[in-house]
Amino acid sequence: MLIPKHRINLWLIAHKCLLTQDRMVRMVILQRNSCFFCETQEETLEHLFFRCCYSQKCKLVLETLLHFQIPNANIVDFFSR
């Protein structure tokens, strides 16, 4: 069961509409674009959910808790399943 808030976020991610910092810089809402978690890379959807060291650590914790291997993917592969 998806909570409505999660459903909305998944829809935004799938349609590449989530307001990440790279989009806010293009919209002139922000001046700088660095990942909120690692501050070493630009914050894009791809980086935030698949490449950031923080998201990689979260993935590892989930895999350990669930005893399930989550395949490495990118944003396109993830939503094309």
N, C-alpha and C. Protein backbone atom coordinates (compact mmCIF):
# COMPACT_ATOMS: atom_id res chain seq x y z
N MET A 1 0.84 -1.19 0.00
CA MET A 1 0.00 0.00 0.00
C MET A 1 0.88 1.24 0.00
N LEU A 2 0.61 2.13 -0.92
CA LEU A 2 1.35 3.38 -0.98
C LEU A 2 0.59 4.48 -0.27
N ILE A 3 1.29 5.19 0.59
CA ILE A 3 0.72 6.36 1.25
C ILE A 3 0.64 7.45 0.19
N PRO A 4 -0.43 8.25 0.16
CA PRO A 4 -0.58 9.27 -0.88
C PRO A 4 0.66 10.15 -1.08
N LYS A 5 1.31 10.55 0.01
CA LYS A 5 2.51 11.39 -0.09
C LYS A 5 3.60 10.66 -0.88
N HIS A 6 3.76 9.35 -0.64
CA HIS A 6 4.77 8.58 -1.35
C HIS A 6 4.39 8.41 -2.82
N ARG A 7 3.12 8.23 -3.06
CA ARG A 7 2.65 8.08 -4.44
C ARG A 7 2.95 9.34 -5.25
N ILE A 8 2.71 10.49 -4.65
CA ILE A 8 2.99 11.76 -5.32
C ILE A 8 4.48 11.90 -5.61
N ASN A 9 5.31 11.58 -4.61
CA ASN A 9 6.76 11.67 -4.82
C ASN A 9 7.24 10.71 -5.89
N LEU A 10 6.73 9.49 -5.90
CA LEU A 10 7.12 8.54 -6.95
C LEU A 10 6.69 9.04 -8.33
N TRP A 11 5.53 9.65 -8.41
CA TRP A 11 5.06 10.19 -9.69
C TRP A 11 6.00 11.31 -10.14
N LEU A 12 6.36 12.21 -9.21
CA LEU A 12 7.27 13.31 -9.54
C LEU A 12 8.63 12.79 -10.00
N ILE A 13 9.13 11.77 -9.34
CA ILE A 13 10.41 11.19 -9.71
C ILE A 13 10.32 10.54 -11.09
N ALA A 14 9.28 9.75 -11.30
CA ALA A 14 9.11 9.04 -12.58
C ALA A 14 8.99 9.99 -13.75
N HIS A 15 8.40 11.16 -13.52
CA HIS A 15 8.22 12.14 -14.60
C HIS A 15 9.29 13.22 -14.59
N LYS A 16 10.33 12.99 -13.77
CA LYS A 16 11.46 13.92 -13.66
C LYS A 16 11.00 15.34 -13.33
N CYS A 17 10.05 15.44 -12.43
CA CYS A 17 9.50 16.75 -12.03
C CYS A 17 9.85 17.11 -10.59
N LEU A 18 10.52 16.24 -9.88
CA LEU A 18 10.89 16.53 -8.50
C LEU A 18 11.84 17.72 -8.47
N LEU A 19 11.61 18.65 -7.58
CA LEU A 19 12.44 19.86 -7.52
C LEU A 19 13.77 19.57 -6.84
N THR A 20 14.70 19.06 -7.62
CA THR A 20 16.06 18.88 -7.14
C THR A 20 16.80 20.20 -7.36
N GLN A 21 17.96 20.31 -6.75
CA GLN A 21 18.68 21.58 -6.84
C GLN A 21 19.08 21.94 -8.26
N ASP A 22 19.37 20.95 -9.10
CA ASP A 22 19.73 21.29 -10.48
C ASP A 22 18.57 21.97 -11.21
N ARG A 23 17.33 21.54 -10.93
CA ARG A 23 16.17 22.18 -11.54
C ARG A 23 15.95 23.57 -10.96
N MET A 24 16.16 23.72 -9.64
CA MET A 24 15.95 25.03 -9.00
C MET A 24 16.98 26.05 -9.46
N VAL A 25 18.19 25.60 -9.77
CA VAL A 25 19.20 26.51 -10.31
C VAL A 25 18.77 26.99 -11.70
N ARG A 26 18.26 26.06 -12.52
CA ARG A 26 17.77 26.45 -13.85
C ARG A 26 16.59 27.41 -13.78
N MET A 27 15.79 27.28 -12.72
CA MET A 27 14.62 28.15 -12.55
C MET A 27 15.00 29.45 -11.80
N VAL A 28 16.26 29.61 -11.51
CA VAL A 28 16.82 30.75 -10.79
C VAL A 28 16.18 30.91 -9.40
N ILE A 29 15.92 29.79 -8.76
CA ILE A 29 15.44 29.79 -7.38
C ILE A 29 16.63 29.69 -6.44
N LEU A 30 17.65 28.95 -6.86
CA LEU A 30 18.88 28.78 -6.08
C LEU A 30 20.07 29.25 -6.89
N GLN A 31 21.14 29.57 -6.19
CA GLN A 31 22.37 29.98 -6.86
C GLN A 31 23.36 28.82 -7.02
N ARG A 32 23.41 27.94 -6.03
CA ARG A 32 24.38 26.85 -6.08
C ARG A 32 23.68 25.51 -6.19
N ASN A 33 24.40 24.55 -6.70
CA ASN A 33 23.83 23.23 -6.89
C ASN A 33 24.81 22.18 -6.39
N SER A 34 24.65 21.80 -5.14
CA SER A 34 25.44 20.69 -4.62
C SER A 34 24.51 19.81 -3.79
N CYS A 35 24.78 18.54 -3.82
CA CYS A 35 23.95 17.56 -3.14
C CYS A 35 23.82 17.92 -1.65
N PHE A 36 22.61 17.87 -1.15
CA PHE A 36 22.34 18.18 0.25
C PHE A 36 23.07 17.21 1.18
N PHE A 37 23.22 15.96 0.77
CA PHE A 37 23.79 14.93 1.63
C PHE A 37 25.31 14.86 1.57
N CYS A 38 25.87 14.82 0.39
CA CYS A 38 27.33 14.63 0.27
C CYS A 38 28.08 15.92 -0.04
N GLU A 39 27.41 16.89 -0.62
CA GLU A 39 27.98 18.19 -0.99
C GLU A 39 29.20 18.09 -1.91
N THR A 40 29.31 16.99 -2.66
CA THR A 40 30.45 16.83 -3.56
C THR A 40 30.04 16.81 -5.03
N GLN A 41 28.78 16.51 -5.31
CA GLN A 41 28.30 16.40 -6.68
C GLN A 41 27.08 17.31 -6.86
N GLU A 42 26.71 17.53 -8.12
CA GLU A 42 25.46 18.24 -8.38
C GLU A 42 24.29 17.37 -7.97
N GLU A 43 23.25 18.00 -7.43
CA GLU A 43 22.08 17.25 -7.01
C GLU A 43 21.12 17.11 -8.18
N THR A 44 21.12 15.94 -8.76
CA THR A 44 20.18 15.58 -9.83
C THR A 44 19.37 14.39 -9.32
N LEU A 45 18.30 14.04 -10.01
CA LEU A 45 17.54 12.86 -9.63
C LEU A 45 18.43 11.61 -9.63
N GLU A 46 19.19 11.47 -10.67
CA GLU A 46 20.07 10.31 -10.81
C GLU A 46 21.04 10.24 -9.64
N HIS A 47 21.68 11.36 -9.34
CA HIS A 47 22.64 11.37 -8.23
C HIS A 47 21.95 11.13 -6.89
N LEU A 48 20.89 11.84 -6.64
CA LEU A 48 20.21 11.79 -5.35
C LEU A 48 19.72 10.40 -4.98
N PHE A 49 19.16 9.68 -5.94
CA PHE A 49 18.57 8.38 -5.64
C PHE A 49 19.43 7.18 -5.99
N PHE A 50 20.46 7.36 -6.82
CA PHE A 50 21.22 6.20 -7.27
C PHE A 50 22.73 6.33 -7.11
N ARG A 51 23.29 7.51 -7.11
CA ARG A 51 24.74 7.66 -7.13
C ARG A 51 25.34 8.24 -5.84
N CYS A 52 24.58 8.97 -5.08
CA CYS A 52 25.08 9.61 -3.87
C CYS A 52 25.56 8.56 -2.86
N CYS A 53 26.66 8.86 -2.18
CA CYS A 53 27.17 7.89 -1.19
C CYS A 53 26.13 7.67 -0.09
N TYR A 54 25.34 8.67 0.23
CA TYR A 54 24.30 8.51 1.25
C TYR A 54 23.21 7.54 0.78
N SER A 55 22.77 7.68 -0.46
CA SER A 55 21.74 6.76 -0.97
C SER A 55 22.30 5.35 -1.10
N GLN A 56 23.60 5.22 -1.41
CA GLN A 56 24.23 3.91 -1.47
C GLN A 56 24.25 3.24 -0.09
N LYS A 57 24.51 4.04 0.94
CA LYS A 57 24.49 3.50 2.31
C LYS A 57 23.08 3.08 2.71
N CYS A 58 22.08 3.88 2.35
CA CYS A 58 20.69 3.52 2.63
C CYS A 58 20.32 2.22 1.93
N LYS A 59 20.74 2.09 0.70
CA LYS A 59 20.48 0.87 -0.07
C LYS A 59 21.11 -0.35 0.61
N LEU A 60 22.34 -0.19 1.09
CA LEU A 60 23.03 -1.27 1.77
C LEU A 60 22.31 -1.69 3.05
N VAL A 61 21.83 -0.72 3.80
CA VAL A 61 21.07 -1.02 5.03
C VAL A 61 19.78 -1.77 4.69
N LEU A 62 19.07 -1.30 3.66
CA LEU A 62 17.84 -1.99 3.23
C LEU A 62 18.12 -3.42 2.79
N GLU A 63 19.18 -3.60 2.02
CA GLU A 63 19.53 -4.94 1.56
C GLU A 63 19.83 -5.86 2.75
N THR A 64 20.51 -5.33 3.75
CA THR A 64 20.85 -6.12 4.93
C THR A 64 19.59 -6.47 5.72
N LEU A 65 18.72 -5.50 5.92
CA LEU A 65 17.49 -5.73 6.68
C LEU A 65 16.53 -6.68 5.97
N LEU A 66 16.44 -6.54 4.66
CA LEU A 66 15.48 -7.33 3.89
C LEU A 66 16.05 -8.65 3.37
N HIS A 67 17.36 -8.82 3.52
CA HIS A 67 18.03 -10.01 2.98
C HIS A 67 17.69 -10.15 1.49
N PHE A 68 17.84 -9.05 0.80
CA PHE A 68 17.46 -8.99 -0.62
C PHE A 68 18.45 -8.09 -1.35
N GLN A 69 18.94 -8.54 -2.48
CA GLN A 69 19.86 -7.76 -3.28
C GLN A 69 19.08 -6.81 -4.19
N ILE A 70 19.29 -5.50 -4.03
CA ILE A 70 18.64 -4.50 -4.87
C ILE A 70 19.58 -4.22 -6.04
N PRO A 71 19.13 -4.45 -7.26
CA PRO A 71 20.03 -4.26 -8.41
C PRO A 71 20.40 -2.79 -8.59
N ASN A 72 21.64 -2.58 -9.03
CA ASN A 72 22.06 -1.21 -9.36
C ASN A 72 21.30 -0.79 -10.60
N ALA A 73 20.82 0.43 -10.60
CA ALA A 73 20.02 0.91 -11.73
C ALA A 73 20.25 2.40 -11.91
N ASN A 74 19.67 2.91 -12.95
CA ASN A 74 19.61 4.36 -13.10
C ASN A 74 18.13 4.73 -13.15
N ILE A 75 17.84 5.98 -13.23
CA ILE A 75 16.45 6.44 -13.14
C ILE A 75 15.59 5.87 -14.26
N VAL A 76 16.12 5.73 -15.45
CA VAL A 76 15.36 5.22 -16.58
C VAL A 76 15.07 3.73 -16.38
N ASP A 77 16.08 2.97 -16.00
CA ASP A 77 15.91 1.54 -15.78
C ASP A 77 14.93 1.27 -14.64
N PHE A 78 15.03 2.05 -13.60
CA PHE A 78 14.20 1.85 -12.41
C PHE A 78 12.71 1.96 -12.73
N PHE A 79 12.35 2.96 -13.53
CA PHE A 79 10.93 3.17 -13.81
C PHE A 79 10.44 2.48 -15.07
N SER A 80 11.31 1.77 -15.77
CA SER A 80 10.87 1.05 -16.95
C SER A 80 10.50 -0.40 -16.63
N ARG A 81 10.57 -0.78 -15.37
CA ARG A 81 10.23 -2.16 -14.98
C ARG A 81 8.76 -2.33 -14.78
